[in-house]
Amino acid sequence: QVQLVESGGGLVQPGGSLRLSCAASGSIFSINRMGWFRQAPGKQRELVALITGPGSTIITDSVKGRFTISRDNAKNTVSLQMSSLKPEDTAVYYCHIRAEISGGYYETWGQGTQVTVSS
């Protein structure tokens, strides 16, 4: 009912930058929250950053000052600008959405995009 398409990611050297984007489609009445999680090998999936419906942002401490989350309400997209990347940022990054649809709320994940920070 709601689909997410992610783009961006790839291989970057330490200190470099990448931009991830996620576009939501489907019968969306409104977006309750939308953002990014990541999962490194052998670790649990963790929140990176998200934006709530009213526009508040939550950014995990380990990326504050380096990552910025933004959205385009008209296109139902959210982007994650990542700067000063570190090897410990290496992970699969997943877009997540909680949206209001006909009949209630719906949550889903994107397919994931690999981010590798290495020299």
N, C-alpha and C. Protein backbone atom coordinates (compact mmCIF):
# COMPACT_ATOMS: atom_id res chain seq x y z
N GLN A 1 0.82 -1.21 0.00
CA GLN A 1 0.00 0.00 0.00
C GLN A 1 0.85 1.25 0.00
N VAL A 2 2.02 1.17 0.62
CA VAL A 2 2.99 2.24 0.56
C VAL A 2 4.31 1.62 0.13
N GLN A 3 4.94 2.19 -0.86
CA GLN A 3 6.20 1.68 -1.33
C GLN A 3 7.28 2.73 -1.12
N LEU A 4 8.47 2.26 -0.82
CA LEU A 4 9.62 3.13 -0.63
C LEU A 4 10.69 2.77 -1.65
N VAL A 5 11.23 3.79 -2.29
CA VAL A 5 12.34 3.59 -3.22
C VAL A 5 13.51 4.43 -2.76
N GLU A 6 14.61 3.78 -2.46
CA GLU A 6 15.81 4.44 -1.96
C GLU A 6 16.80 4.66 -3.09
N SER A 7 17.59 5.69 -2.96
CA SER A 7 18.68 5.94 -3.90
C SER A 7 19.84 6.57 -3.16
N GLY A 8 20.99 6.49 -3.76
CA GLY A 8 22.20 7.00 -3.14
C GLY A 8 22.99 5.85 -2.55
N GLY A 9 23.90 6.15 -1.68
CA GLY A 9 24.75 5.11 -1.12
C GLY A 9 25.94 4.84 -2.02
N GLY A 10 26.80 3.94 -1.55
CA GLY A 10 27.98 3.60 -2.31
C GLY A 10 29.23 3.59 -1.46
N LEU A 11 30.37 3.68 -2.13
CA LEU A 11 31.67 3.66 -1.46
C LEU A 11 32.25 5.06 -1.42
N VAL A 12 32.71 5.47 -0.26
CA VAL A 12 33.29 6.81 -0.09
C VAL A 12 34.47 6.72 0.86
N GLN A 13 35.43 7.59 0.68
CA GLN A 13 36.57 7.63 1.57
C GLN A 13 36.22 8.34 2.87
N PRO A 14 36.93 8.01 3.94
CA PRO A 14 36.70 8.73 5.21
C PRO A 14 36.81 10.24 5.00
N GLY A 15 35.87 10.94 5.62
CA GLY A 15 35.81 12.39 5.45
C GLY A 15 34.95 12.84 4.30
N GLY A 16 34.53 11.92 3.48
CA GLY A 16 33.71 12.25 2.33
C GLY A 16 32.24 12.42 2.66
N SER A 17 31.45 12.63 1.60
CA SER A 17 30.03 12.88 1.77
C SER A 17 29.22 11.99 0.82
N LEU A 18 28.01 11.70 1.25
CA LEU A 18 27.04 10.98 0.44
C LEU A 18 25.66 11.52 0.77
N ARG A 19 24.75 11.35 -0.18
CA ARG A 19 23.37 11.75 0.03
C ARG A 19 22.46 10.58 -0.31
N LEU A 20 21.60 10.23 0.65
CA LEU A 20 20.60 9.20 0.45
C LEU A 20 19.24 9.87 0.28
N SER A 21 18.44 9.30 -0.61
CA SER A 21 17.08 9.79 -0.79
C SER A 21 16.11 8.64 -0.76
N CYS A 22 14.91 8.92 -0.31
CA CYS A 22 13.87 7.90 -0.21
C CYS A 22 12.54 8.54 -0.64
N ALA A 23 11.89 7.92 -1.61
CA ALA A 23 10.62 8.41 -2.11
C ALA A 23 9.51 7.43 -1.75
N ALA A 24 8.44 7.95 -1.18
CA ALA A 24 7.30 7.14 -0.82
C ALA A 24 6.19 7.34 -1.84
N SER A 25 5.52 6.24 -2.16
CA SER A 25 4.38 6.32 -3.08
C SER A 25 3.27 5.42 -2.57
N GLY A 26 2.07 5.68 -3.06
CA GLY A 26 0.92 4.91 -2.62
C GLY A 26 -0.18 5.84 -2.16
N SER A 27 -1.19 5.27 -1.56
CA SER A 27 -2.35 6.05 -1.12
C SER A 27 -2.10 6.62 0.27
N ILE A 28 -1.26 7.62 0.30
CA ILE A 28 -0.85 8.22 1.57
C ILE A 28 -1.69 9.45 1.87
N PHE A 29 -2.34 9.45 3.04
CA PHE A 29 -3.07 10.64 3.47
C PHE A 29 -2.11 11.64 4.10
N SER A 30 -1.26 11.13 4.95
CA SER A 30 -0.26 11.98 5.59
C SER A 30 0.87 11.09 6.09
N ILE A 31 2.00 11.71 6.34
CA ILE A 31 3.15 10.96 6.85
C ILE A 31 3.32 11.30 8.32
N ASN A 32 3.26 10.28 9.15
CA ASN A 32 3.43 10.46 10.59
C ASN A 32 4.89 10.66 10.94
N ARG A 33 5.75 9.83 10.35
CA ARG A 33 7.18 10.00 10.49
C ARG A 33 7.86 9.24 9.37
N MET A 34 9.07 9.72 9.04
CA MET A 34 9.83 9.11 7.95
C MET A 34 11.30 9.36 8.21
N GLY A 35 12.11 8.36 7.99
CA GLY A 35 13.51 8.57 8.29
C GLY A 35 14.39 7.40 7.92
N TRP A 36 15.56 7.36 8.53
CA TRP A 36 16.59 6.39 8.19
C TRP A 36 17.09 5.64 9.41
N PHE A 37 17.25 4.34 9.22
CA PHE A 37 17.90 3.47 10.19
C PHE A 37 19.11 2.86 9.49
N ARG A 38 19.99 2.25 10.25
CA ARG A 38 21.12 1.54 9.64
C ARG A 38 21.44 0.30 10.44
N GLN A 39 22.04 -0.65 9.75
CA GLN A 39 22.43 -1.89 10.39
C GLN A 39 23.80 -2.30 9.88
N ALA A 40 24.76 -2.32 10.78
CA ALA A 40 26.11 -2.77 10.47
C ALA A 40 26.19 -4.27 10.71
N PRO A 41 27.15 -4.93 10.08
CA PRO A 41 27.29 -6.39 10.26
C PRO A 41 27.44 -6.76 11.73
N GLY A 42 26.62 -7.72 12.17
CA GLY A 42 26.70 -8.19 13.53
C GLY A 42 26.07 -7.29 14.56
N LYS A 43 25.43 -6.22 14.12
CA LYS A 43 24.81 -5.27 15.05
C LYS A 43 23.33 -5.15 14.78
N GLN A 44 22.62 -4.62 15.76
CA GLN A 44 21.20 -4.40 15.60
C GLN A 44 20.94 -3.16 14.75
N ARG A 45 19.78 -3.14 14.14
CA ARG A 45 19.38 -1.96 13.38
C ARG A 45 19.16 -0.81 14.36
N GLU A 46 19.66 0.36 13.99
CA GLU A 46 19.55 1.51 14.88
C GLU A 46 19.03 2.72 14.12
N LEU A 47 18.38 3.60 14.86
CA LEU A 47 17.88 4.84 14.28
C LEU A 47 19.06 5.75 13.94
N VAL A 48 18.99 6.37 12.77
CA VAL A 48 19.97 7.39 12.41
C VAL A 48 19.32 8.77 12.52
N ALA A 49 18.21 8.96 11.82
CA ALA A 49 17.54 10.25 11.85
C ALA A 49 16.13 10.09 11.30
N LEU A 50 15.20 10.89 11.82
CA LEU A 50 13.85 10.88 11.28
C LEU A 50 13.21 12.25 11.42
N ILE A 51 12.18 12.45 10.63
CA ILE A 51 11.38 13.67 10.69
C ILE A 51 9.95 13.27 10.99
N THR A 52 9.32 13.96 11.94
CA THR A 52 7.93 13.70 12.27
C THR A 52 7.03 14.52 11.36
N GLY A 53 5.73 14.24 11.45
CA GLY A 53 4.77 14.97 10.65
C GLY A 53 4.87 16.49 10.78
N PRO A 54 4.88 16.98 12.01
CA PRO A 54 5.00 18.44 12.19
C PRO A 54 6.36 19.02 11.80
N GLY A 55 7.33 18.17 11.53
CA GLY A 55 8.63 18.66 11.10
C GLY A 55 9.74 18.58 12.12
N SER A 56 9.47 18.01 13.27
CA SER A 56 10.53 17.84 14.25
C SER A 56 11.50 16.77 13.76
N THR A 57 12.76 16.92 14.14
CA THR A 57 13.76 15.94 13.73
C THR A 57 14.39 15.28 14.95
N ILE A 58 14.72 14.03 14.78
CA ILE A 58 15.46 13.28 15.79
C ILE A 58 16.69 12.73 15.10
N ILE A 59 17.86 13.03 15.65
CA ILE A 59 19.12 12.57 15.07
C ILE A 59 19.93 11.90 16.16
N THR A 60 20.43 10.72 15.88
CA THR A 60 21.18 10.00 16.90
C THR A 60 22.50 10.72 17.20
N ASP A 61 22.94 10.62 18.42
CA ASP A 61 24.10 11.39 18.86
C ASP A 61 25.35 11.14 18.03
N SER A 62 25.55 9.93 17.59
CA SER A 62 26.80 9.59 16.89
C SER A 62 26.95 10.28 15.54
N VAL A 63 25.86 10.84 15.01
CA VAL A 63 25.94 11.49 13.71
C VAL A 63 25.58 12.97 13.77
N LYS A 64 25.24 13.46 14.95
CA LYS A 64 24.90 14.87 15.08
C LYS A 64 26.05 15.75 14.63
N GLY A 65 25.70 16.79 13.87
CA GLY A 65 26.72 17.68 13.35
C GLY A 65 27.33 17.21 12.05
N ARG A 66 27.07 15.97 11.67
CA ARG A 66 27.60 15.43 10.42
C ARG A 66 26.50 15.06 9.42
N PHE A 67 25.37 14.61 9.93
CA PHE A 67 24.26 14.20 9.08
C PHE A 67 23.11 15.18 9.22
N THR A 68 22.44 15.42 8.12
CA THR A 68 21.26 16.29 8.11
C THR A 68 20.13 15.58 7.39
N ILE A 69 18.95 15.61 7.99
CA ILE A 69 17.78 15.01 7.36
C ILE A 69 16.86 16.13 6.89
N SER A 70 16.28 15.94 5.72
CA SER A 70 15.35 16.93 5.19
C SER A 70 14.25 16.22 4.42
N ARG A 71 13.19 16.93 4.11
CA ARG A 71 12.10 16.29 3.38
C ARG A 71 11.50 17.26 2.38
N ASP A 72 10.84 16.68 1.40
CA ASP A 72 10.07 17.42 0.41
C ASP A 72 8.65 16.90 0.53
N ASN A 73 7.80 17.69 1.16
CA ASN A 73 6.43 17.23 1.42
C ASN A 73 5.65 17.00 0.13
N ALA A 74 5.90 17.81 -0.86
CA ALA A 74 5.16 17.69 -2.12
C ALA A 74 5.47 16.38 -2.83
N LYS A 75 6.68 15.87 -2.62
CA LYS A 75 7.10 14.65 -3.31
C LYS A 75 7.14 13.44 -2.39
N ASN A 76 6.78 13.64 -1.12
CA ASN A 76 6.86 12.54 -0.13
C ASN A 76 8.24 11.90 -0.13
N THR A 77 9.25 12.73 -0.11
CA THR A 77 10.61 12.22 -0.08
C THR A 77 11.35 12.72 1.16
N VAL A 78 12.29 11.95 1.59
CA VAL A 78 13.16 12.35 2.68
C VAL A 78 14.60 12.07 2.24
N SER A 79 15.49 12.98 2.59
CA SER A 79 16.88 12.83 2.21
C SER A 79 17.79 12.89 3.43
N LEU A 80 18.88 12.19 3.34
CA LEU A 80 19.87 12.19 4.41
C LEU A 80 21.20 12.62 3.81
N GLN A 81 21.64 13.81 4.17
CA GLN A 81 22.93 14.30 3.72
C GLN A 81 23.96 13.91 4.77
N MET A 82 24.94 13.13 4.34
CA MET A 82 25.94 12.61 5.26
C MET A 82 27.30 13.21 4.91
N SER A 83 27.91 13.84 5.89
CA SER A 83 29.21 14.48 5.69
C SER A 83 30.20 13.97 6.74
N SER A 84 31.46 14.24 6.48
CA SER A 84 32.52 13.81 7.41
C SER A 84 32.34 12.34 7.79
N LEU A 85 32.13 11.53 6.79
CA LEU A 85 31.84 10.13 7.04
C LEU A 85 33.04 9.41 7.65
N LYS A 86 32.72 8.47 8.52
CA LYS A 86 33.72 7.68 9.23
C LYS A 86 33.53 6.21 8.89
N PRO A 87 34.58 5.42 9.05
CA PRO A 87 34.42 3.98 8.78
C PRO A 87 33.31 3.34 9.60
N GLU A 88 33.08 3.85 10.80
CA GLU A 88 32.01 3.29 11.63
C GLU A 88 30.60 3.63 11.14
N ASP A 89 30.51 4.47 10.12
CA ASP A 89 29.22 4.74 9.50
C ASP A 89 28.85 3.68 8.46
N THR A 90 29.78 2.79 8.19
CA THR A 90 29.53 1.72 7.23
C THR A 90 28.39 0.84 7.70
N ALA A 91 27.39 0.68 6.86
CA ALA A 91 26.21 -0.09 7.21
C ALA A 91 25.26 -0.14 6.01
N VAL A 92 24.25 -0.95 6.13
CA VAL A 92 23.12 -0.88 5.21
C VAL A 92 22.13 0.12 5.81
N TYR A 93 21.75 1.09 5.04
CA TYR A 93 20.84 2.13 5.48
C TYR A 93 19.44 1.84 4.94
N TYR A 94 18.46 1.87 5.84
CA TYR A 94 17.09 1.55 5.49
C TYR A 94 16.20 2.77 5.72
N CYS A 95 15.39 3.06 4.74
CA CYS A 95 14.36 4.08 4.89
C CYS A 95 13.15 3.45 5.58
N HIS A 96 12.50 4.21 6.41
CA HIS A 96 11.32 3.74 7.13
C HIS A 96 10.25 4.83 7.11
N ILE A 97 9.00 4.39 7.02
CA ILE A 97 7.89 5.33 7.01
C ILE A 97 6.75 4.80 7.87
N ARG A 98 6.09 5.71 8.54
CA ARG A 98 4.81 5.43 9.18
C ARG A 98 3.84 6.45 8.61
N ALA A 99 2.87 5.97 7.86
CA ALA A 99 1.98 6.86 7.14
C ALA A 99 0.54 6.55 7.46
N GLU A 100 -0.28 7.57 7.36
CA GLU A 100 -1.72 7.39 7.52
C GLU A 100 -2.30 7.06 6.14
N ILE A 101 -3.00 5.95 6.07
CA ILE A 101 -3.67 5.54 4.84
C ILE A 101 -5.13 5.28 5.17
N SER A 102 -5.89 4.88 4.17
CA SER A 102 -7.28 4.54 4.42
C SER A 102 -7.36 3.37 5.39
N GLY A 103 -8.02 3.56 6.49
CA GLY A 103 -8.16 2.48 7.45
C GLY A 103 -7.20 2.53 8.61
N GLY A 104 -6.25 3.44 8.58
CA GLY A 104 -5.35 3.53 9.71
C GLY A 104 -3.92 3.85 9.33
N TYR A 105 -2.98 3.40 10.15
CA TYR A 105 -1.57 3.68 9.92
C TYR A 105 -0.86 2.47 9.34
N TYR A 106 0.15 2.75 8.56
CA TYR A 106 0.89 1.71 7.86
C TYR A 106 2.37 2.01 7.98
N GLU A 107 3.14 0.96 8.28
CA GLU A 107 4.59 1.13 8.38
C GLU A 107 5.27 0.16 7.42
N THR A 108 6.36 0.61 6.83
CA THR A 108 7.12 -0.26 5.97
C THR A 108 8.56 0.21 5.87
N TRP A 109 9.40 -0.64 5.31
CA TRP A 109 10.82 -0.38 5.15
C TRP A 109 11.21 -0.38 3.68
N GLY A 110 12.25 0.34 3.35
CA GLY A 110 12.84 0.23 2.04
C GLY A 110 13.71 -1.01 1.96
N GLN A 111 14.26 -1.24 0.78
CA GLN A 111 15.05 -2.46 0.58
C GLN A 111 16.45 -2.36 1.14
N GLY A 112 16.87 -1.14 1.47
CA GLY A 112 18.21 -0.95 2.02
C GLY A 112 19.22 -0.56 0.97
N THR A 113 20.14 0.31 1.35
CA THR A 113 21.21 0.72 0.45
C THR A 113 22.53 0.70 1.22
N GLN A 114 23.55 0.15 0.61
CA GLN A 114 24.83 -0.02 1.29
C GLN A 114 25.63 1.27 1.26
N VAL A 115 26.14 1.62 2.42
CA VAL A 115 27.09 2.74 2.54
C VAL A 115 28.38 2.16 3.11
N THR A 116 29.46 2.32 2.38
CA THR A 116 30.76 1.82 2.81
C THR A 116 31.75 2.97 2.86
N VAL A 117 32.33 3.16 4.03
CA VAL A 117 33.32 4.24 4.22
C VAL A 117 34.67 3.57 4.43
N SER A 118 35.53 3.71 3.45
CA SER A 118 36.81 3.01 3.49
C SER A 118 37.81 3.70 2.56
N SER A 119 39.06 3.65 2.97
CA SER A 119 40.12 4.20 2.12
C SER A 119 40.69 3.11 1.23
